[in-house]
């Protein structure tokens, strides 16, 4: 399972450094969407590919 760390605050909901797990990845006619779940299961967010690359870095 892929893990991502937030590199800057996201919409004043999640703070920098929050860890997320990628739980779903889909593509429909060239548009990719990602669903990420917080590590402590507080919430999940749906992102575009542009948002994923701008706000998150994959961690190993």
PDB file of N, CA and C in Angstrom:
ATOM      1  N   UNK A   1       0.845  -1.169   0.000  1.00  0.00           N
ATOM      2  CA  UNK A   1       0.000   0.000   0.000  1.00  0.00           C
ATOM      3  C   UNK A   1       0.899   1.245   0.000  1.00  0.00           C
ATOM      4  N   UNK A   2       0.584   2.207  -0.842  1.00  0.00           N
ATOM      5  CA  UNK A   2       1.392   3.415  -0.942  1.00  0.00           C
ATOM      6  C   UNK A   2       1.036   4.393   0.181  1.00  0.00           C
ATOM      7  N   UNK A   3       2.088   5.035   0.704  1.00  0.00           N
ATOM      8  CA  UNK A   3       1.900   6.029   1.766  1.00  0.00           C
ATOM      9  C   UNK A   3       2.365   7.385   1.261  1.00  0.00           C
ATOM     10  N   UNK A   4       1.643   8.416   1.651  1.00  0.00           N
ATOM     11  CA  UNK A   4       1.979   9.778   1.257  1.00  0.00           C
ATOM     12  C   UNK A   4       2.002  10.674   2.481  1.00  0.00           C
ATOM     13  N   UNK A   5       2.885  11.676   2.433  1.00  0.00           N
ATOM     14  CA  UNK A   5       2.966  12.671   3.507  1.00  0.00           C
ATOM     15  C   UNK A   5       2.585  14.018   2.920  1.00  0.00           C
ATOM     16  N   UNK A   6       1.761  14.747   3.631  1.00  0.00           N
ATOM     17  CA  UNK A   6       1.327  16.070   3.218  1.00  0.00           C
ATOM     18  C   UNK A   6       2.487  17.043   3.376  1.00  0.00           C
ATOM     19  N   UNK A   7       2.834  17.772   2.308  1.00  0.00           N
ATOM     20  CA  UNK A   7       3.995  18.660   2.365  1.00  0.00           C
ATOM     21  C   UNK A   7       3.612  20.107   2.660  1.00  0.00           C
ATOM     22  N   UNK A   8       2.318  20.443   2.575  1.00  0.00           N
ATOM     23  CA  UNK A   8       1.822  21.754   2.985  1.00  0.00           C
ATOM     24  C   UNK A   8       0.364  21.598   3.377  1.00  0.00           C
ATOM     25  N   UNK A   9      -0.135  22.515   4.182  1.00  0.00           N
ATOM     26  CA  UNK A   9      -1.512  22.414   4.665  1.00  0.00           C
ATOM     27  C   UNK A   9      -2.488  22.274   3.512  1.00  0.00           C
ATOM     28  N   UNK A  10      -3.474  21.412   3.687  1.00  0.00           N
ATOM     29  CA  UNK A  10      -4.466  21.144   2.648  1.00  0.00           C
ATOM     30  C   UNK A  10      -5.819  21.702   3.066  1.00  0.00           C
ATOM     31  N   UNK A  11      -6.229  22.800   2.423  1.00  0.00           N
ATOM     32  CA  UNK A  11      -7.549  23.415   2.618  1.00  0.00           C
ATOM     33  C   UNK A  11      -7.909  23.657   4.078  1.00  0.00           C
ATOM     34  N   UNK A  12      -6.949  23.957   4.907  1.00  0.00           N
ATOM     35  CA  UNK A  12      -7.165  24.224   6.337  1.00  0.00           C
ATOM     36  C   UNK A  12      -7.855  23.083   7.077  1.00  0.00           C
ATOM     37  N   UNK A  13      -7.828  21.887   6.513  1.00  0.00           N
ATOM     38  CA  UNK A  13      -8.425  20.714   7.159  1.00  0.00           C
ATOM     39  C   UNK A  13      -7.335  19.819   7.728  1.00  0.00           C
ATOM     40  N   UNK A  14      -6.314  19.551   6.914  1.00  0.00           N
ATOM     41  CA  UNK A  14      -5.212  18.684   7.319  1.00  0.00           C
ATOM     42  C   UNK A  14      -3.923  19.484   7.348  1.00  0.00           C
ATOM     43  N   UNK A  15      -3.111  19.230   8.350  1.00  0.00           N
ATOM     44  CA  UNK A  15      -1.860  19.960   8.528  1.00  0.00           C
ATOM     45  C   UNK A  15      -0.687  19.262   7.862  1.00  0.00           C
ATOM     46  N   UNK A  16       0.322  20.058   7.567  1.00  0.00           N
ATOM     47  CA  UNK A  16       1.560  19.556   6.985  1.00  0.00           C
ATOM     48  C   UNK A  16       2.103  18.410   7.846  1.00  0.00           C
ATOM     49  N   UNK A  17       2.570  17.348   7.195  1.00  0.00           N
ATOM     50  CA  UNK A  17       3.140  16.207   7.905  1.00  0.00           C
ATOM     51  C   UNK A  17       2.172  15.065   8.145  1.00  0.00           C
ATOM     52  N   UNK A  18       0.878  15.274   7.897  1.00  0.00           N
ATOM     53  CA  UNK A  18      -0.109  14.219   8.081  1.00  0.00           C
ATOM     54  C   UNK A  18       0.167  13.090   7.082  1.00  0.00           C
ATOM     55  N   UNK A  19       0.065  11.855   7.547  1.00  0.00           N
ATOM     56  CA  UNK A  19       0.330  10.692   6.706  1.00  0.00           C
ATOM     57  C   UNK A  19      -0.984  10.115   6.197  1.00  0.00           C
ATOM     58  N   UNK A  20      -1.011   9.784   4.915  1.00  0.00           N
ATOM     59  CA  UNK A  20      -2.186   9.214   4.254  1.00  0.00           C
ATOM     60  C   UNK A  20      -1.804   7.916   3.555  1.00  0.00           C
ATOM     61  N   UNK A  21      -2.778   7.037   3.399  1.00  0.00           N
ATOM     62  CA  UNK A  21      -2.631   5.817   2.610  1.00  0.00           C
ATOM     63  C   UNK A  21      -3.475   5.953   1.360  1.00  0.00           C
ATOM     64  N   UNK A  22      -2.937   5.533   0.226  1.00  0.00           N
ATOM     65  CA  UNK A  22      -3.690   5.518  -1.022  1.00  0.00           C
ATOM     66  C   UNK A  22      -4.587   4.287  -1.008  1.00  0.00           C
ATOM     67  N   UNK A  23      -5.902   4.490  -1.016  1.00  0.00           N
ATOM     68  CA  UNK A  23      -6.808   3.343  -0.959  1.00  0.00           C
ATOM     69  C   UNK A  23      -7.506   3.076  -2.283  1.00  0.00           C
ATOM     70  N   UNK A  24      -7.513   4.061  -3.187  1.00  0.00           N
ATOM     71  CA  UNK A  24      -8.145   3.847  -4.485  1.00  0.00           C
ATOM     72  C   UNK A  24      -7.536   4.776  -5.520  1.00  0.00           C
ATOM     73  N   UNK A  25      -7.431   4.260  -6.724  1.00  0.00           N
ATOM     74  CA  UNK A  25      -6.871   5.008  -7.840  1.00  0.00           C
ATOM     75  C   UNK A  25      -7.719   4.669  -9.061  1.00  0.00           C
ATOM     76  N   UNK A  26      -8.272   5.699  -9.729  1.00  0.00           N
ATOM     77  CA  UNK A  26      -9.110   5.423 -10.892  1.00  0.00           C
ATOM     78  C   UNK A  26      -8.811   6.402 -12.015  1.00  0.00           C
ATOM     79  N   UNK A  27      -9.132   5.979 -13.220  1.00  0.00           N
ATOM     80  CA  UNK A  27      -8.938   6.829 -14.387  1.00  0.00           C
ATOM     81  C   UNK A  27     -10.142   6.664 -15.298  1.00  0.00           C
ATOM     82  N   UNK A  28     -10.704   7.802 -15.709  1.00  0.00           N
ATOM     83  CA  UNK A  28     -11.847   7.799 -16.599  1.00  0.00           C
ATOM     84  C   UNK A  28     -11.608   8.838 -17.683  1.00  0.00           C
ATOM     85  N   UNK A  29     -11.428   8.387 -18.899  1.00  0.00           N
ATOM     86  CA  UNK A  29     -11.172   9.243 -20.066  1.00  0.00           C
ATOM     87  C   UNK A  29     -10.033  10.219 -19.787  1.00  0.00           C
ATOM     88  N   UNK A  30      -8.928   9.715 -19.305  1.00  0.00           N
ATOM     89  CA  UNK A  30      -7.730  10.523 -19.095  1.00  0.00           C
ATOM     90  C   UNK A  30      -7.693  11.327 -17.818  1.00  0.00           C
ATOM     91  N   UNK A  31      -8.747  11.302 -17.015  1.00  0.00           N
ATOM     92  CA  UNK A  31      -8.779  12.044 -15.747  1.00  0.00           C
ATOM     93  C   UNK A  31      -8.549  11.057 -14.615  1.00  0.00           C
ATOM     94  N   UNK A  32      -7.469  11.270 -13.869  1.00  0.00           N
ATOM     95  CA  UNK A  32      -7.153  10.369 -12.759  1.00  0.00           C
ATOM     96  C   UNK A  32      -7.660  10.961 -11.449  1.00  0.00           C
ATOM     97  N   UNK A  33      -8.215  10.105 -10.601  1.00  0.00           N
ATOM     98  CA  UNK A  33      -8.652  10.493  -9.266  1.00  0.00           C
ATOM     99  C   UNK A  33      -8.049   9.527  -8.258  1.00  0.00           C
ATOM    100  N   UNK A  34      -7.721  10.050  -7.106  1.00  0.00           N
ATOM    101  CA  UNK A  34      -7.114   9.271  -6.043  1.00  0.00           C
ATOM    102  C   UNK A  34      -7.908   9.475  -4.762  1.00  0.00           C
ATOM    103  N   UNK A  35      -8.085   8.404  -4.008  1.00  0.00           N
ATOM    104  CA  UNK A  35      -8.733   8.484  -2.702  1.00  0.00           C
ATOM    105  C   UNK A  35      -7.681   8.141  -1.661  1.00  0.00           C
ATOM    106  N   UNK A  36      -7.472   9.070  -0.733  1.00  0.00           N
ATOM    107  CA  UNK A  36      -6.492   8.856   0.333  1.00  0.00           C
ATOM    108  C   UNK A  36      -7.188   8.862   1.684  1.00  0.00           C
ATOM    109  N   UNK A  37      -6.745   7.976   2.558  1.00  0.00           N
ATOM    110  CA  UNK A  37      -7.279   7.816   3.916  1.00  0.00           C
ATOM    111  C   UNK A  37      -6.188   8.197   4.895  1.00  0.00           C
ATOM    112  N   UNK A  38      -6.532   8.955   5.926  1.00  0.00           N
ATOM    113  CA  UNK A  38      -5.532   9.322   6.928  1.00  0.00           C
ATOM    114  C   UNK A  38      -5.069   8.079   7.678  1.00  0.00           C
ATOM    115  N   UNK A  39      -3.865   8.153   8.203  1.00  0.00           N
ATOM    116  CA  UNK A  39      -3.287   7.013   8.917  1.00  0.00           C
ATOM    117  C   UNK A  39      -4.116   6.633  10.135  1.00  0.00           C
ATOM    118  N   UNK A  40      -4.651   7.645  10.835  1.00  0.00           N
ATOM    119  CA  UNK A  40      -5.436   7.361  12.036  1.00  0.00           C
ATOM    120  C   UNK A  40      -6.938   7.222  11.741  1.00  0.00           C
ATOM    121  N   UNK A  41      -7.300   7.094  10.450  1.00  0.00           N
ATOM    122  CA  UNK A  41      -8.668   6.846   9.986  1.00  0.00           C
ATOM    123  C   UNK A  41      -9.651   7.964  10.325  1.00  0.00           C
ATOM    124  N   UNK A  42      -9.172   9.198  10.471  1.00  0.00           N
ATOM    125  CA  UNK A  42     -10.039  10.343  10.757  1.00  0.00           C
ATOM    126  C   UNK A  42     -10.884  10.758   9.561  1.00  0.00           C
ATOM    127  N   UNK A  43     -10.362  10.606   8.377  1.00  0.00           N
ATOM    128  CA  UNK A  43     -11.114  11.032   7.209  1.00  0.00           C
ATOM    129  C   UNK A  43     -10.433  10.620   5.934  1.00  0.00           C
ATOM    130  N   UNK A  44     -11.128  10.872   4.835  1.00  0.00           N
ATOM    131  CA  UNK A  44     -10.539  10.573   3.533  1.00  0.00           C
ATOM    132  C   UNK A  44     -10.829  11.714   2.585  1.00  0.00           C
ATOM    133  N   UNK A  45      -9.983  11.826   1.566  1.00  0.00           N
ATOM    134  CA  UNK A  45     -10.132  12.888   0.585  1.00  0.00           C
ATOM    135  C   UNK A  45      -9.997  12.306  -0.820  1.00  0.00           C
ATOM    136  N   UNK A  46     -10.655  12.965  -1.765  1.00  0.00           N
ATOM    137  CA  UNK A  46     -10.577  12.591  -3.177  1.00  0.00           C
ATOM    138  C   UNK A  46      -9.829  13.697  -3.892  1.00  0.00           C
ATOM    139  N   UNK A  47      -8.767  13.325  -4.601  1.00  0.00           N
ATOM    140  CA  UNK A  47      -7.884  14.299  -5.234  1.00  0.00           C
ATOM    141  C   UNK A  47      -7.714  14.034  -6.715  1.00  0.00           C
ATOM    142  N   UNK A  48      -7.382  15.097  -7.433  1.00  0.00           N
ATOM    143  CA  UNK A  48      -6.964  14.944  -8.821  1.00  0.00           C
ATOM    144  C   UNK A  48      -5.467  14.654  -8.825  1.00  0.00           C
ATOM    145  N   UNK A  49      -4.952  14.280  -9.971  1.00  0.00           N
ATOM    146  CA  UNK A  49      -3.517  14.004 -10.083  1.00  0.00           C
ATOM    147  C   UNK A  49      -2.688  15.262  -9.797  1.00  0.00           C
ATOM    148  N   UNK A  50      -3.166  16.412 -10.241  1.00  0.00           N
ATOM    149  CA  UNK A  50      -2.467  17.682 -10.015  1.00  0.00           C
ATOM    150  C   UNK A  50      -2.374  17.998  -8.518  1.00  0.00           C
ATOM    151  N   UNK A  51      -3.464  17.805  -7.775  1.00  0.00           N
ATOM    152  CA  UNK A  51      -3.453  18.046  -6.329  1.00  0.00           C
ATOM    153  C   UNK A  51      -2.526  17.065  -5.620  1.00  0.00           C
ATOM    154  N   UNK A  52      -2.549  15.807  -6.040  1.00  0.00           N
ATOM    155  CA  UNK A  52      -1.691  14.801  -5.418  1.00  0.00           C
ATOM    156  C   UNK A  52      -0.227  15.190  -5.562  1.00  0.00           C
ATOM    157  N   UNK A  53       0.168  15.612  -6.754  1.00  0.00           N
ATOM    158  CA  UNK A  53       1.564  15.990  -6.986  1.00  0.00           C
ATOM    159  C   UNK A  53       1.925  17.299  -6.298  1.00  0.00           C
ATOM    160  N   UNK A  54       0.961  18.203  -6.106  1.00  0.00           N
ATOM    161  CA  UNK A  54       1.249  19.494  -5.501  1.00  0.00           C
ATOM    162  C   UNK A  54       1.284  19.499  -3.978  1.00  0.00           C
ATOM    163  N   UNK A  55       0.525  18.618  -3.361  1.00  0.00           N
ATOM    164  CA  UNK A  55       0.399  18.629  -1.911  1.00  0.00           C
ATOM    165  C   UNK A  55       1.068  17.453  -1.201  1.00  0.00           C
ATOM    166  N   UNK A  56       1.409  16.383  -1.923  1.00  0.00           N
ATOM    167  CA  UNK A  56       1.871  15.168  -1.281  1.00  0.00           C
ATOM    168  C   UNK A  56       3.194  14.664  -1.862  1.00  0.00           C
ATOM    169  N   UNK A  57       3.940  13.946  -1.029  1.00  0.00           N
ATOM    170  CA  UNK A  57       5.142  13.231  -1.446  1.00  0.00           C
ATOM    171  C   UNK A  57       5.006  11.799  -0.961  1.00  0.00           C
ATOM    172  N   UNK A  58       5.365  10.862  -1.842  1.00  0.00           N
ATOM    173  CA  UNK A  58       5.289   9.457  -1.462  1.00  0.00           C
ATOM    174  C   UNK A  58       6.426   9.136  -0.498  1.00  0.00           C
ATOM    175  N   UNK A  59       6.090   8.372   0.538  1.00  0.00           N
ATOM    176  CA  UNK A  59       7.097   7.928   1.502  1.00  0.00           C
ATOM    177  C   UNK A  59       7.144   6.401   1.469  1.00  0.00           C
ATOM    178  N   UNK A  60       8.274   5.852   1.866  1.00  0.00           N
ATOM    179  CA  UNK A  60       8.461   4.404   1.803  1.00  0.00           C
ATOM    180  C   UNK A  60       8.584   3.789   3.156  1.00  0.00           C
TER     181      UNK A  60
END
